[in-house]
Amino acid sequence: MDAKEIVAKYSTDYIKDKKIIGIGTGKTIRKLIETISDIDIFKTKQYMASSIDSEIELSKRGFSVISLFSGIIPDVYIDSFDFLIRENNGKIVLIKGGGGALFREKLLTVNSKERIFIGEISKLKVPKILQIPIEIVPVSLSYVLTSLTSQGFRVKIRESQGKIGPLISDNGNIILDMEVDNTQDLCKLNNELSNIVGVIETGIFCDLYDTIILADTDGRLEIIKKS
């Protein structure tokens, strides 16, 4: 059985009693949207999406979607992730932004009453070199690249598959992907990157969770609760 389907179905019990649900972005979240489409109680909820893609998926299935401009605080935010890292100090770091929606994802993560992340157990296998997404203001591109490369980082501009040139986020910004050794202090790195003028947000989610639900193709589940 597909691990994405298993974790999506299991996670519905965690959000079924919430009135306003923040929804993330990605293949696992698409599976969640597909799953709740077949459950009547979810048709009575309101949703806030972290990307245009998720907003379209929700809308075309008849769900009520609230704009992020409303400033409403979701009762829960549920999203997937690219990798999960357990740091030596006990903190859990999630790497997100593979779909380019990192700013809105972090915006909803920080501003929701509860944060749930779902994913495949295979995402615990972290590569030696991580790709850290960074969203930046377009006019700052050359300055940010100079700042990062002068510190010894290898950085590339994420390119679009649909056109020549940089991938542009839903916010009209450019996404960079920076190579980082997985032994680096990612929480410290997140703070340092955030201090660079032109950087809007990074894909490093440092200890920003309440519950993490993992599943594999055999149906095995692992639940991580923030202590």
N, C-alpha and C. Protein backbone atom coordinates (compact mmCIF):
# COMPACT_ATOMS: atom_id res chain seq x y z
N MET A 1 0.85 -1.20 0.00
CA MET A 1 0.00 0.00 0.00
C MET A 1 0.89 1.25 0.00
N ASP A 2 0.43 2.30 -0.61
CA ASP A 2 1.19 3.54 -0.70
C ASP A 2 1.30 4.20 0.68
N ALA A 3 2.53 4.50 1.09
CA ALA A 3 2.75 5.12 2.40
C ALA A 3 2.05 6.47 2.51
N LYS A 4 2.02 7.21 1.41
CA LYS A 4 1.34 8.52 1.41
C LYS A 4 -0.14 8.35 1.72
N GLU A 5 -0.75 7.34 1.13
CA GLU A 5 -2.17 7.08 1.36
C GLU A 5 -2.41 6.65 2.80
N ILE A 6 -1.53 5.81 3.34
CA ILE A 6 -1.68 5.33 4.72
C ILE A 6 -1.62 6.49 5.71
N VAL A 7 -0.59 7.34 5.55
CA VAL A 7 -0.42 8.43 6.51
C VAL A 7 -1.51 9.49 6.35
N ALA A 8 -1.99 9.68 5.12
CA ALA A 8 -3.07 10.64 4.89
C ALA A 8 -4.36 10.19 5.58
N LYS A 9 -4.69 8.92 5.42
CA LYS A 9 -5.91 8.39 6.04
C LYS A 9 -5.83 8.43 7.56
N TYR A 10 -4.68 8.05 8.09
CA TYR A 10 -4.51 8.02 9.54
C TYR A 10 -4.60 9.42 10.14
N SER A 11 -4.06 10.40 9.44
CA SER A 11 -4.00 11.76 9.98
C SER A 11 -5.36 12.45 10.06
N THR A 12 -6.34 11.93 9.34
CA THR A 12 -7.67 12.58 9.36
C THR A 12 -8.27 12.61 10.76
N ASP A 13 -7.94 11.63 11.59
CA ASP A 13 -8.46 11.60 12.97
C ASP A 13 -7.93 12.77 13.79
N TYR A 14 -6.78 13.31 13.40
CA TYR A 14 -6.16 14.41 14.14
C TYR A 14 -6.77 15.77 13.77
N ILE A 15 -7.46 15.84 12.67
CA ILE A 15 -7.97 17.15 12.20
C ILE A 15 -9.49 17.19 12.05
N LYS A 16 -10.16 16.08 12.23
CA LYS A 16 -11.60 16.01 11.94
C LYS A 16 -12.46 16.89 12.86
N ASP A 17 -11.96 17.21 14.05
CA ASP A 17 -12.74 18.02 14.99
C ASP A 17 -12.40 19.51 14.91
N LYS A 18 -11.54 19.90 13.98
CA LYS A 18 -11.13 21.30 13.83
C LYS A 18 -12.06 22.02 12.83
N LYS A 19 -12.26 23.31 13.07
CA LYS A 19 -13.16 24.08 12.20
C LYS A 19 -12.40 24.74 11.04
N ILE A 20 -11.25 25.30 11.34
CA ILE A 20 -10.44 25.95 10.30
C ILE A 20 -9.12 25.21 10.18
N ILE A 21 -8.88 24.66 9.00
CA ILE A 21 -7.74 23.78 8.79
C ILE A 21 -6.77 24.39 7.78
N GLY A 22 -5.52 24.57 8.20
CA GLY A 22 -4.48 25.00 7.28
C GLY A 22 -3.95 23.79 6.54
N ILE A 23 -3.80 23.92 5.24
CA ILE A 23 -3.35 22.80 4.40
C ILE A 23 -2.05 23.17 3.70
N GLY A 24 -1.09 22.25 3.74
CA GLY A 24 0.20 22.49 3.13
C GLY A 24 0.23 22.21 1.65
N THR A 25 1.40 21.80 1.16
CA THR A 25 1.63 21.64 -0.27
C THR A 25 2.46 20.39 -0.51
N GLY A 26 2.24 19.72 -1.64
CA GLY A 26 3.05 18.57 -2.01
C GLY A 26 2.23 17.35 -2.33
N LYS A 27 2.91 16.27 -2.75
CA LYS A 27 2.23 15.06 -3.17
C LYS A 27 1.48 14.38 -2.03
N THR A 28 2.08 14.39 -0.83
CA THR A 28 1.40 13.77 0.31
C THR A 28 0.15 14.56 0.68
N ILE A 29 0.23 15.87 0.60
CA ILE A 29 -0.93 16.71 0.91
C ILE A 29 -2.01 16.58 -0.16
N ARG A 30 -1.62 16.40 -1.40
CA ARG A 30 -2.61 16.12 -2.45
C ARG A 30 -3.37 14.83 -2.13
N LYS A 31 -2.66 13.85 -1.62
CA LYS A 31 -3.31 12.59 -1.22
C LYS A 31 -4.25 12.83 -0.05
N LEU A 32 -3.87 13.72 0.87
CA LEU A 32 -4.75 14.05 2.00
C LEU A 32 -6.01 14.74 1.50
N ILE A 33 -5.87 15.69 0.59
CA ILE A 33 -7.03 16.40 0.04
C ILE A 33 -7.97 15.41 -0.66
N GLU A 34 -7.38 14.48 -1.39
CA GLU A 34 -8.17 13.44 -2.05
C GLU A 34 -8.91 12.59 -1.03
N THR A 35 -8.24 12.28 0.07
CA THR A 35 -8.84 11.44 1.12
C THR A 35 -10.00 12.12 1.81
N ILE A 36 -9.82 13.39 2.21
CA ILE A 36 -10.91 14.07 2.93
C ILE A 36 -12.08 14.42 2.02
N SER A 37 -11.85 14.38 0.71
CA SER A 37 -12.94 14.64 -0.24
C SER A 37 -14.04 13.59 -0.14
N ASP A 38 -13.67 12.41 0.37
CA ASP A 38 -14.64 11.31 0.48
C ASP A 38 -15.24 11.20 1.88
N ILE A 39 -14.93 12.17 2.75
CA ILE A 39 -15.44 12.14 4.12
C ILE A 39 -16.33 13.36 4.33
N ASP A 40 -17.60 13.14 4.55
CA ASP A 40 -18.59 14.23 4.58
C ASP A 40 -18.27 15.33 5.58
N ILE A 41 -17.77 14.95 6.77
CA ILE A 41 -17.56 15.95 7.82
C ILE A 41 -16.59 17.04 7.38
N PHE A 42 -15.67 16.70 6.48
CA PHE A 42 -14.67 17.68 6.04
C PHE A 42 -15.24 18.72 5.08
N LYS A 43 -16.42 18.46 4.54
CA LYS A 43 -17.06 19.43 3.66
C LYS A 43 -17.61 20.62 4.45
N THR A 44 -17.73 20.46 5.77
CA THR A 44 -18.26 21.53 6.63
C THR A 44 -17.16 22.45 7.16
N LYS A 45 -15.91 22.12 6.87
CA LYS A 45 -14.79 22.89 7.40
C LYS A 45 -14.41 24.04 6.46
N GLN A 46 -13.57 24.92 6.97
CA GLN A 46 -12.97 25.97 6.15
C GLN A 46 -11.47 25.74 6.11
N TYR A 47 -10.85 26.14 4.99
CA TYR A 47 -9.45 25.81 4.77
C TYR A 47 -8.62 27.03 4.40
N MET A 48 -7.36 26.98 4.78
CA MET A 48 -6.39 28.00 4.37
C MET A 48 -5.21 27.25 3.76
N ALA A 49 -4.82 27.63 2.55
CA ALA A 49 -3.81 26.86 1.80
C ALA A 49 -2.48 27.59 1.75
N SER A 50 -1.39 26.81 1.77
CA SER A 50 -0.05 27.39 1.74
C SER A 50 0.45 27.64 0.32
N SER A 51 -0.36 27.31 -0.68
CA SER A 51 0.06 27.52 -2.07
C SER A 51 -1.15 27.66 -2.97
N ILE A 52 -0.93 28.25 -4.12
CA ILE A 52 -1.99 28.34 -5.13
C ILE A 52 -2.41 26.95 -5.56
N ASP A 53 -1.43 26.04 -5.68
CA ASP A 53 -1.73 24.67 -6.10
C ASP A 53 -2.72 24.00 -5.15
N SER A 54 -2.47 24.09 -3.85
CA SER A 54 -3.38 23.47 -2.88
C SER A 54 -4.73 24.17 -2.84
N GLU A 55 -4.71 25.49 -3.03
CA GLU A 55 -5.96 26.24 -3.05
C GLU A 55 -6.83 25.80 -4.23
N ILE A 56 -6.22 25.56 -5.37
CA ILE A 56 -6.95 25.08 -6.55
C ILE A 56 -7.50 23.69 -6.29
N GLU A 57 -6.66 22.80 -5.71
CA GLU A 57 -7.10 21.44 -5.44
C GLU A 57 -8.29 21.42 -4.48
N LEU A 58 -8.23 22.25 -3.45
CA LEU A 58 -9.34 22.33 -2.50
C LEU A 58 -10.60 22.90 -3.14
N SER A 59 -10.43 23.97 -3.90
CA SER A 59 -11.58 24.65 -4.50
C SER A 59 -12.31 23.77 -5.51
N LYS A 60 -11.55 23.05 -6.33
CA LYS A 60 -12.20 22.24 -7.37
C LYS A 60 -12.92 21.03 -6.79
N ARG A 61 -12.62 20.70 -5.53
CA ARG A 61 -13.32 19.61 -4.85
C ARG A 61 -14.46 20.12 -3.97
N GLY A 62 -14.73 21.42 -4.07
CA GLY A 62 -15.89 21.99 -3.39
C GLY A 62 -15.65 22.46 -1.97
N PHE A 63 -14.39 22.53 -1.53
CA PHE A 63 -14.10 23.01 -0.18
C PHE A 63 -14.10 24.53 -0.12
N SER A 64 -14.44 25.07 1.04
CA SER A 64 -14.43 26.52 1.26
C SER A 64 -13.03 26.96 1.66
N VAL A 65 -12.44 27.85 0.85
CA VAL A 65 -11.05 28.28 1.08
C VAL A 65 -11.02 29.75 1.50
N ILE A 66 -10.32 30.03 2.60
CA ILE A 66 -10.17 31.38 3.13
C ILE A 66 -8.82 31.94 2.68
N SER A 67 -8.79 33.19 2.28
CA SER A 67 -7.54 33.84 1.88
C SER A 67 -6.62 34.05 3.09
N LEU A 68 -5.33 33.93 2.87
CA LEU A 68 -4.36 34.22 3.93
C LEU A 68 -4.39 35.70 4.31
N PHE A 69 -4.87 36.55 3.42
CA PHE A 69 -4.97 37.98 3.72
C PHE A 69 -5.95 38.25 4.86
N SER A 70 -6.80 37.26 5.17
CA SER A 70 -7.79 37.45 6.24
C SER A 70 -7.12 37.55 7.61
N GLY A 71 -5.94 36.95 7.75
CA GLY A 71 -5.26 36.96 9.04
C GLY A 71 -5.88 36.02 10.06
N ILE A 72 -6.79 35.18 9.63
CA ILE A 72 -7.43 34.22 10.53
C ILE A 72 -6.41 33.17 10.99
N ILE A 73 -6.51 32.76 12.23
CA ILE A 73 -5.60 31.77 12.81
C ILE A 73 -6.23 30.37 12.66
N PRO A 74 -5.59 29.49 11.89
CA PRO A 74 -6.14 28.13 11.75
C PRO A 74 -6.11 27.36 13.08
N ASP A 75 -7.09 26.51 13.28
CA ASP A 75 -7.10 25.65 14.47
C ASP A 75 -5.98 24.62 14.40
N VAL A 76 -5.65 24.21 13.18
CA VAL A 76 -4.57 23.25 12.97
C VAL A 76 -3.98 23.49 11.59
N TYR A 77 -2.69 23.24 11.47
CA TYR A 77 -2.02 23.27 10.17
C TYR A 77 -1.41 21.90 9.94
N ILE A 78 -1.69 21.31 8.77
CA ILE A 78 -1.15 19.99 8.45
C ILE A 78 -0.40 20.07 7.13
N ASP A 79 0.80 19.50 7.13
CA ASP A 79 1.67 19.59 5.96
C ASP A 79 2.60 18.39 5.94
N SER A 80 3.31 18.23 4.84
CA SER A 80 4.32 17.18 4.72
C SER A 80 5.70 17.83 4.84
N PHE A 81 6.74 17.07 4.55
CA PHE A 81 8.09 17.62 4.66
C PHE A 81 9.01 16.82 3.75
N ASP A 82 10.20 17.36 3.51
CA ASP A 82 11.17 16.70 2.63
C ASP A 82 12.10 15.77 3.42
N PHE A 83 12.59 16.25 4.56
CA PHE A 83 13.46 15.45 5.41
C PHE A 83 13.24 15.81 6.87
N LEU A 84 13.52 14.84 7.76
CA LEU A 84 13.44 15.06 9.21
C LEU A 84 14.81 14.76 9.80
N ILE A 85 15.34 15.71 10.57
CA ILE A 85 16.65 15.55 11.20
C ILE A 85 16.50 15.71 12.70
N ARG A 86 17.03 14.74 13.44
CA ARG A 86 17.09 14.86 14.90
C ARG A 86 18.46 15.41 15.27
N GLU A 87 18.51 16.62 15.81
CA GLU A 87 19.78 17.23 16.17
C GLU A 87 20.25 16.72 17.53
N ASN A 88 21.55 16.90 17.81
CA ASN A 88 22.14 16.40 19.04
C ASN A 88 21.52 17.00 20.30
N ASN A 89 20.99 18.21 20.19
CA ASN A 89 20.37 18.87 21.35
C ASN A 89 18.92 18.44 21.57
N GLY A 90 18.46 17.47 20.78
CA GLY A 90 17.10 16.96 20.95
C GLY A 90 16.06 17.61 20.07
N LYS A 91 16.43 18.71 19.44
CA LYS A 91 15.47 19.39 18.57
C LYS A 91 15.26 18.60 17.28
N ILE A 92 14.05 18.70 16.77
CA ILE A 92 13.75 18.09 15.47
C ILE A 92 13.65 19.20 14.44
N VAL A 93 14.37 19.02 13.35
CA VAL A 93 14.36 19.99 12.26
C VAL A 93 13.73 19.34 11.04
N LEU A 94 12.77 20.03 10.46
CA LEU A 94 12.17 19.59 9.21
C LEU A 94 12.72 20.45 8.08
N ILE A 95 13.07 19.83 6.97
CA ILE A 95 13.47 20.56 5.78
C ILE A 95 12.28 20.55 4.83
N LYS A 96 11.85 21.74 4.44
CA LYS A 96 10.67 21.89 3.59
C LYS A 96 10.99 22.87 2.45
N GLY A 97 10.09 22.96 1.51
CA GLY A 97 10.26 23.92 0.43
C GLY A 97 10.60 23.30 -0.91
N GLY A 98 10.56 21.95 -0.98
CA GLY A 98 10.82 21.31 -2.26
C GLY A 98 9.83 21.71 -3.33
N GLY A 99 8.62 22.08 -2.89
CA GLY A 99 7.59 22.53 -3.83
C GLY A 99 7.57 24.04 -4.02
N GLY A 100 8.51 24.73 -3.36
CA GLY A 100 8.63 26.18 -3.55
C GLY A 100 7.68 27.03 -2.73
N ALA A 101 6.97 26.42 -1.77
CA ALA A 101 5.97 27.17 -1.00
C ALA A 101 6.43 27.45 0.43
N LEU A 102 7.75 27.50 0.66
CA LEU A 102 8.28 27.53 2.01
C LEU A 102 7.84 28.73 2.84
N PHE A 103 7.71 29.92 2.21
CA PHE A 103 7.33 31.09 3.01
C PHE A 103 5.91 30.95 3.55
N ARG A 104 4.96 30.63 2.70
CA ARG A 104 3.58 30.50 3.17
C ARG A 104 3.42 29.30 4.10
N GLU A 105 4.21 28.27 3.87
CA GLU A 105 4.17 27.12 4.77
C GLU A 105 4.63 27.51 6.17
N LYS A 106 5.71 28.27 6.24
CA LYS A 106 6.20 28.68 7.56
C LYS A 106 5.26 29.71 8.19
N LEU A 107 4.67 30.57 7.37
CA LEU A 107 3.71 31.55 7.86
C LEU A 107 2.55 30.86 8.57
N LEU A 108 2.01 29.81 7.95
CA LEU A 108 0.90 29.07 8.56
C LEU A 108 1.36 28.22 9.73
N THR A 109 2.56 27.67 9.64
CA THR A 109 3.09 26.87 10.75
C THR A 109 3.21 27.70 12.01
N VAL A 110 3.79 28.87 11.89
CA VAL A 110 4.02 29.74 13.05
C VAL A 110 2.71 30.29 13.61
N ASN A 111 1.73 30.50 12.74
CA ASN A 111 0.50 31.18 13.16
C ASN A 111 -0.70 30.26 13.35
N SER A 112 -0.48 28.97 13.46
CA SER A 112 -1.58 28.03 13.72
C SER A 112 -1.55 27.55 15.17
N LYS A 113 -2.72 27.19 15.67
CA LYS A 113 -2.83 26.76 17.06
C LYS A 113 -2.15 25.41 17.29
N GLU A 114 -2.14 24.58 16.26
CA GLU A 114 -1.53 23.25 16.35
C GLU A 114 -0.86 22.93 15.02
N ARG A 115 0.29 22.22 15.06
CA ARG A 115 1.03 21.91 13.84
C ARG A 115 1.23 20.41 13.74
N ILE A 116 0.77 19.83 12.64
CA ILE A 116 0.92 18.39 12.39
C ILE A 116 1.64 18.20 11.06
N PHE A 117 2.66 17.35 11.07
CA PHE A 117 3.38 17.05 9.84
C PHE A 117 3.30 15.55 9.56
N ILE A 118 3.09 15.21 8.30
CA ILE A 118 2.93 13.82 7.92
C ILE A 118 3.91 13.47 6.81
N GLY A 119 4.35 12.22 6.79
CA GLY A 119 5.30 11.83 5.75
C GLY A 119 5.65 10.36 5.81
N GLU A 120 6.48 9.95 4.89
CA GLU A 120 6.94 8.58 4.81
C GLU A 120 8.14 8.37 5.72
N ILE A 121 8.24 7.19 6.32
CA ILE A 121 9.36 6.88 7.20
C ILE A 121 10.69 7.00 6.46
N SER A 122 10.66 6.78 5.16
CA SER A 122 11.89 6.87 4.35
C SER A 122 12.52 8.26 4.42
N LYS A 123 11.73 9.27 4.80
CA LYS A 123 12.26 10.63 4.88
C LYS A 123 13.14 10.86 6.11
N LEU A 124 13.27 9.81 6.94
CA LEU A 124 14.22 9.86 8.06
C LEU A 124 15.65 9.59 7.57
N LYS A 125 15.76 9.03 6.36
CA LYS A 125 17.08 8.76 5.77
C LYS A 125 17.58 10.03 5.11
N VAL A 126 18.40 10.75 5.82
CA VAL A 126 18.84 12.06 5.39
C VAL A 126 20.14 11.95 4.58
N PRO A 127 20.21 12.55 3.41
CA PRO A 127 21.45 12.51 2.63
C PRO A 127 22.56 13.30 3.32
N LYS A 128 23.81 12.96 3.00
CA LYS A 128 24.96 13.65 3.59
C LYS A 128 24.91 15.15 3.29
N ILE A 129 24.52 15.49 2.06
CA ILE A 129 24.41 16.90 1.66
C ILE A 129 22.94 17.24 1.46
N LEU A 130 22.47 18.21 2.21
CA LEU A 130 21.08 18.67 2.11
C LEU A 130 20.97 19.85 1.16
N GLN A 131 19.84 19.93 0.50
CA GLN A 131 19.52 21.11 -0.31
C GLN A 131 18.55 21.97 0.51
N ILE A 132 19.00 23.14 0.93
CA ILE A 132 18.18 24.03 1.75
C ILE A 132 17.56 25.10 0.85
N PRO A 133 16.22 25.12 0.71
CA PRO A 133 15.58 26.17 -0.09
C PRO A 133 15.61 27.51 0.65
N ILE A 134 15.83 28.56 -0.10
CA ILE A 134 15.83 29.92 0.45
C ILE A 134 15.02 30.81 -0.51
N GLU A 135 14.03 31.49 0.01
CA GLU A 135 13.24 32.41 -0.82
C GLU A 135 13.78 33.83 -0.64
N ILE A 136 14.05 34.49 -1.76
CA ILE A 136 14.64 35.83 -1.69
C ILE A 136 13.90 36.82 -2.58
N VAL A 137 14.03 38.10 -2.24
CA VAL A 137 13.49 39.17 -3.08
C VAL A 137 14.31 39.21 -4.38
N PRO A 138 13.67 39.24 -5.55
CA PRO A 138 14.40 39.17 -6.82
C PRO A 138 15.52 40.18 -6.97
N VAL A 139 15.29 41.44 -6.58
CA VAL A 139 16.30 42.49 -6.79
C VAL A 139 17.56 42.24 -5.95
N SER A 140 17.44 41.39 -4.94
CA SER A 140 18.59 41.14 -4.05
C SER A 140 19.43 39.95 -4.52
N LEU A 141 19.07 39.34 -5.63
CA LEU A 141 19.69 38.08 -6.05
C LEU A 141 21.21 38.11 -6.04
N SER A 142 21.81 39.05 -6.75
CA SER A 142 23.27 39.09 -6.85
C SER A 142 23.92 39.30 -5.49
N TYR A 143 23.32 40.15 -4.66
CA TYR A 143 23.88 40.44 -3.35
C TYR A 143 23.83 39.20 -2.44
N VAL A 144 22.69 38.51 -2.48
CA VAL A 144 22.54 37.32 -1.63
C VAL A 144 23.49 36.21 -2.10
N LEU A 145 23.58 36.01 -3.41
CA LEU A 145 24.50 35.00 -3.93
C LEU A 145 25.94 35.30 -3.52
N THR A 146 26.34 36.57 -3.60
CA THR A 146 27.69 36.96 -3.20
C THR A 146 27.92 36.69 -1.72
N SER A 147 26.94 37.02 -0.91
CA SER A 147 27.05 36.80 0.53
C SER A 147 27.22 35.32 0.86
N LEU A 148 26.43 34.48 0.22
CA LEU A 148 26.46 33.04 0.52
C LEU A 148 27.72 32.37 -0.02
N THR A 149 28.09 32.70 -1.25
CA THR A 149 29.27 32.07 -1.83
C THR A 149 30.56 32.52 -1.13
N SER A 150 30.57 33.75 -0.63
CA SER A 150 31.75 34.23 0.09
C SER A 150 31.93 33.50 1.42
N GLN A 151 30.85 32.88 1.91
CA GLN A 151 30.93 32.08 3.14
C GLN A 151 31.23 30.62 2.84
N GLY A 152 31.45 30.32 1.55
CA GLY A 152 31.83 28.96 1.17
C GLY A 152 30.69 28.04 0.79
N PHE A 153 29.47 28.58 0.71
CA PHE A 153 28.32 27.74 0.36
C PHE A 153 28.20 27.58 -1.16
N ARG A 154 27.75 26.41 -1.58
CA ARG A 154 27.41 26.19 -2.98
C ARG A 154 25.92 26.43 -3.15
N VAL A 155 25.57 27.37 -4.02
CA VAL A 155 24.19 27.80 -4.17
C VAL A 155 23.82 27.82 -5.65
N LYS A 156 22.60 27.41 -5.93
CA LYS A 156 22.11 27.51 -7.31
C LYS A 156 20.71 28.11 -7.31
N ILE A 157 20.40 28.78 -8.39
CA ILE A 157 19.05 29.33 -8.57
C ILE A 157 18.15 28.20 -9.05
N ARG A 158 17.02 28.00 -8.37
CA ARG A 158 16.09 26.96 -8.82
C ARG A 158 15.43 27.41 -10.11
N GLU A 159 15.48 26.56 -11.11
CA GLU A 159 14.93 26.92 -12.41
C GLU A 159 13.57 26.28 -12.64
N SER A 160 12.77 26.93 -13.45
CA SER A 160 11.43 26.45 -13.77
C SER A 160 11.50 25.43 -14.89
N GLN A 161 10.63 24.45 -14.86
CA GLN A 161 10.55 23.47 -15.95
C GLN A 161 9.64 23.96 -17.08
N GLY A 162 8.84 24.97 -16.77
CA GLY A 162 7.88 25.45 -17.77
C GLY A 162 8.36 26.62 -18.60
N LYS A 163 9.48 27.23 -18.17
CA LYS A 163 10.01 28.37 -18.90
C LYS A 163 11.51 28.47 -18.63
N ILE A 164 12.19 29.23 -19.45
CA ILE A 164 13.61 29.46 -19.22
C ILE A 164 13.78 30.50 -18.10
N GLY A 165 14.67 30.22 -17.16
CA GLY A 165 14.94 31.18 -16.10
C GLY A 165 14.51 30.69 -14.74
N PRO A 166 14.61 31.54 -13.73
CA PRO A 166 14.33 31.15 -12.34
C PRO A 166 12.88 30.74 -12.12
N LEU A 167 12.71 29.81 -11.20
CA LEU A 167 11.36 29.49 -10.72
C LEU A 167 10.89 30.65 -9.85
N ILE A 168 9.67 31.11 -10.08
CA ILE A 168 9.12 32.23 -9.31
C ILE A 168 8.07 31.68 -8.35
N SER A 169 8.19 32.02 -7.08
CA SER A 169 7.26 31.52 -6.06
C SER A 169 5.89 32.18 -6.20
N ASP A 170 4.92 31.68 -5.44
CA ASP A 170 3.58 32.28 -5.44
C ASP A 170 3.61 33.72 -4.97
N ASN A 171 4.69 34.11 -4.30
CA ASN A 171 4.83 35.48 -3.80
C ASN A 171 5.61 36.37 -4.75
N GLY A 172 5.99 35.84 -5.91
CA GLY A 172 6.74 36.62 -6.89
C GLY A 172 8.23 36.69 -6.61
N ASN A 173 8.73 35.75 -5.81
CA ASN A 173 10.13 35.77 -5.41
C ASN A 173 10.93 34.64 -6.06
N ILE A 174 12.25 34.69 -5.90
CA ILE A 174 13.15 33.68 -6.44
C ILE A 174 13.51 32.67 -5.36
N ILE A 175 13.64 31.40 -5.75
CA ILE A 175 14.04 30.35 -4.82
C ILE A 175 15.48 29.93 -5.13
N LEU A 176 16.30 29.91 -4.09
CA LEU A 176 17.66 29.37 -4.19
C LEU A 176 17.70 28.02 -3.49
N ASP A 177 18.62 27.15 -3.92
CA ASP A 177 18.88 25.89 -3.23
C ASP A 177 20.35 25.89 -2.83
N MET A 178 20.60 25.76 -1.53
CA MET A 178 21.96 25.84 -0.99
C MET A 178 22.37 24.50 -0.39
N GLU A 179 23.56 24.04 -0.75
CA GLU A 179 24.07 22.77 -0.24
C GLU A 179 24.63 22.95 1.16
N VAL A 180 24.20 22.06 2.07
CA VAL A 180 24.63 22.12 3.46
C VAL A 180 24.91 20.71 3.96
N ASP A 181 26.00 20.53 4.68
CA ASP A 181 26.30 19.25 5.31
C ASP A 181 25.27 18.96 6.40
N ASN A 182 24.77 17.73 6.47
CA ASN A 182 23.70 17.42 7.42
C ASN A 182 24.14 17.44 8.88
N THR A 183 25.46 17.58 9.13
CA THR A 183 25.94 17.67 10.51
C THR A 183 25.97 19.11 11.03
N GLN A 184 25.66 20.04 10.16
CA GLN A 184 25.70 21.46 10.55
C GLN A 184 24.55 21.79 11.50
N ASP A 185 24.75 22.78 12.35
CA ASP A 185 23.69 23.25 13.26
C ASP A 185 22.67 24.02 12.41
N LEU A 186 21.59 23.35 12.06
CA LEU A 186 20.63 23.93 11.12
C LEU A 186 19.82 25.07 11.73
N CYS A 187 19.53 24.98 13.01
CA CYS A 187 18.77 26.06 13.66
C CYS A 187 19.58 27.35 13.69
N LYS A 188 20.86 27.21 13.99
CA LYS A 188 21.76 28.38 13.97
C LYS A 188 21.88 28.93 12.56
N LEU A 189 22.00 28.02 11.60
CA LEU A 189 22.11 28.44 10.19
C LEU A 189 20.86 29.20 9.76
N ASN A 190 19.69 28.73 10.17
CA ASN A 190 18.44 29.41 9.82
C ASN A 190 18.46 30.86 10.30
N ASN A 191 18.91 31.07 11.53
CA ASN A 191 18.97 32.43 12.08
C ASN A 191 19.96 33.30 11.31
N GLU A 192 21.10 32.71 10.96
CA GLU A 192 22.12 33.47 10.22
C GLU A 192 21.63 33.86 8.83
N LEU A 193 20.98 32.93 8.15
CA LEU A 193 20.45 33.21 6.81
C LEU A 193 19.37 34.28 6.86
N SER A 194 18.55 34.23 7.90
CA SER A 194 17.45 35.19 8.03
C SER A 194 17.94 36.61 8.24
N ASN A 195 19.19 36.75 8.67
CA ASN A 195 19.76 38.08 8.90
C ASN A 195 20.37 38.70 7.64
N ILE A 196 20.40 37.94 6.55
CA ILE A 196 20.92 38.48 5.29
C ILE A 196 19.83 39.30 4.62
N VAL A 197 20.12 40.54 4.32
CA VAL A 197 19.14 41.41 3.67
C VAL A 197 18.80 40.84 2.29
N GLY A 198 17.51 40.65 2.05
CA GLY A 198 17.05 40.07 0.80
C GLY A 198 16.47 38.68 0.99
N VAL A 199 16.91 38.00 2.05
CA VAL A 199 16.36 36.68 2.36
C VAL A 199 15.01 36.85 3.05
N ILE A 200 14.00 36.22 2.51
CA ILE A 200 12.66 36.31 3.09
C ILE A 200 12.44 35.17 4.08
N GLU A 201 12.77 33.95 3.66
CA GLU A 201 12.55 32.79 4.54
C GLU A 201 13.39 31.62 4.05
N THR A 202 13.63 30.66 4.94
CA THR A 202 14.35 29.45 4.58
C THR A 202 13.45 28.23 4.78
N GLY A 203 13.87 27.12 4.22
CA GLY A 203 13.11 25.88 4.36
C GLY A 203 13.50 25.08 5.59
N ILE A 204 14.21 25.71 6.53
CA ILE A 204 14.58 25.06 7.79
C ILE A 204 13.48 25.35 8.82
N PHE A 205 12.79 24.31 9.25
CA PHE A 205 11.73 24.44 10.25
C PHE A 205 12.26 23.85 11.55
N CYS A 206 12.74 24.73 12.41
CA CYS A 206 13.45 24.32 13.63
C CYS A 206 12.48 24.16 14.81
N ASP A 207 12.19 22.90 15.14
CA ASP A 207 11.33 22.59 16.29
C ASP A 207 9.92 23.16 16.16
N LEU A 208 9.47 23.36 14.93
CA LEU A 208 8.14 23.95 14.69
C LEU A 208 7.11 22.85 14.41
N TYR A 209 6.77 22.10 15.43
CA TYR A 209 5.79 21.03 15.26
C TYR A 209 5.15 20.70 16.60
N ASP A 210 4.00 20.03 16.56
CA ASP A 210 3.38 19.46 17.75
C ASP A 210 3.31 17.94 17.63
N THR A 211 2.95 17.48 16.42
CA THR A 211 2.87 16.05 16.16
C THR A 211 3.43 15.75 14.78
N ILE A 212 4.20 14.68 14.67
CA ILE A 212 4.69 14.20 13.38
C ILE A 212 4.23 12.76 13.22
N ILE A 213 3.60 12.46 12.10
CA ILE A 213 3.08 11.12 11.82
C ILE A 213 3.83 10.55 10.62
N LEU A 214 4.44 9.37 10.82
CA LEU A 214 5.21 8.72 9.77
C LEU A 214 4.60 7.36 9.44
N ALA A 215 4.70 6.96 8.18
CA ALA A 215 4.17 5.65 7.77
C ALA A 215 5.07 5.04 6.72
N ASP A 216 5.03 3.69 6.63
CA ASP A 216 5.74 3.02 5.55
C ASP A 216 4.77 2.17 4.74
N THR A 217 5.27 1.53 3.71
CA THR A 217 4.40 0.77 2.80
C THR A 217 3.81 -0.48 3.43
N ASP A 218 4.38 -0.91 4.56
CA ASP A 218 3.85 -2.08 5.27
C ASP A 218 2.74 -1.72 6.25
N GLY A 219 2.44 -0.43 6.34
CA GLY A 219 1.39 0.01 7.25
C GLY A 219 1.90 0.36 8.63
N ARG A 220 3.21 0.29 8.83
CA ARG A 220 3.78 0.64 10.13
C ARG A 220 3.73 2.14 10.33
N LEU A 221 3.32 2.55 11.53
CA LEU A 221 3.18 3.97 11.85
C LEU A 221 4.11 4.35 13.00
N GLU A 222 4.62 5.56 12.94
CA GLU A 222 5.41 6.11 14.05
C GLU A 222 4.91 7.51 14.34
N ILE A 223 4.59 7.78 15.60
CA ILE A 223 4.07 9.07 16.02
C ILE A 223 5.11 9.76 16.90
N ILE A 224 5.48 10.98 16.55
CA ILE A 224 6.40 11.78 17.35
C ILE A 224 5.64 12.96 17.93
N LYS A 225 5.60 13.02 19.25
CA LYS A 225 4.91 14.12 19.93
C LYS A 225 5.94 15.03 20.58
N LYS A 226 5.72 16.34 20.48
CA LYS A 226 6.62 17.28 21.13
C LYS A 226 6.42 17.19 22.64
N SER A 227 7.51 17.01 23.36
CA SER A 227 7.41 16.85 24.81
C SER A 227 7.30 18.20 25.50
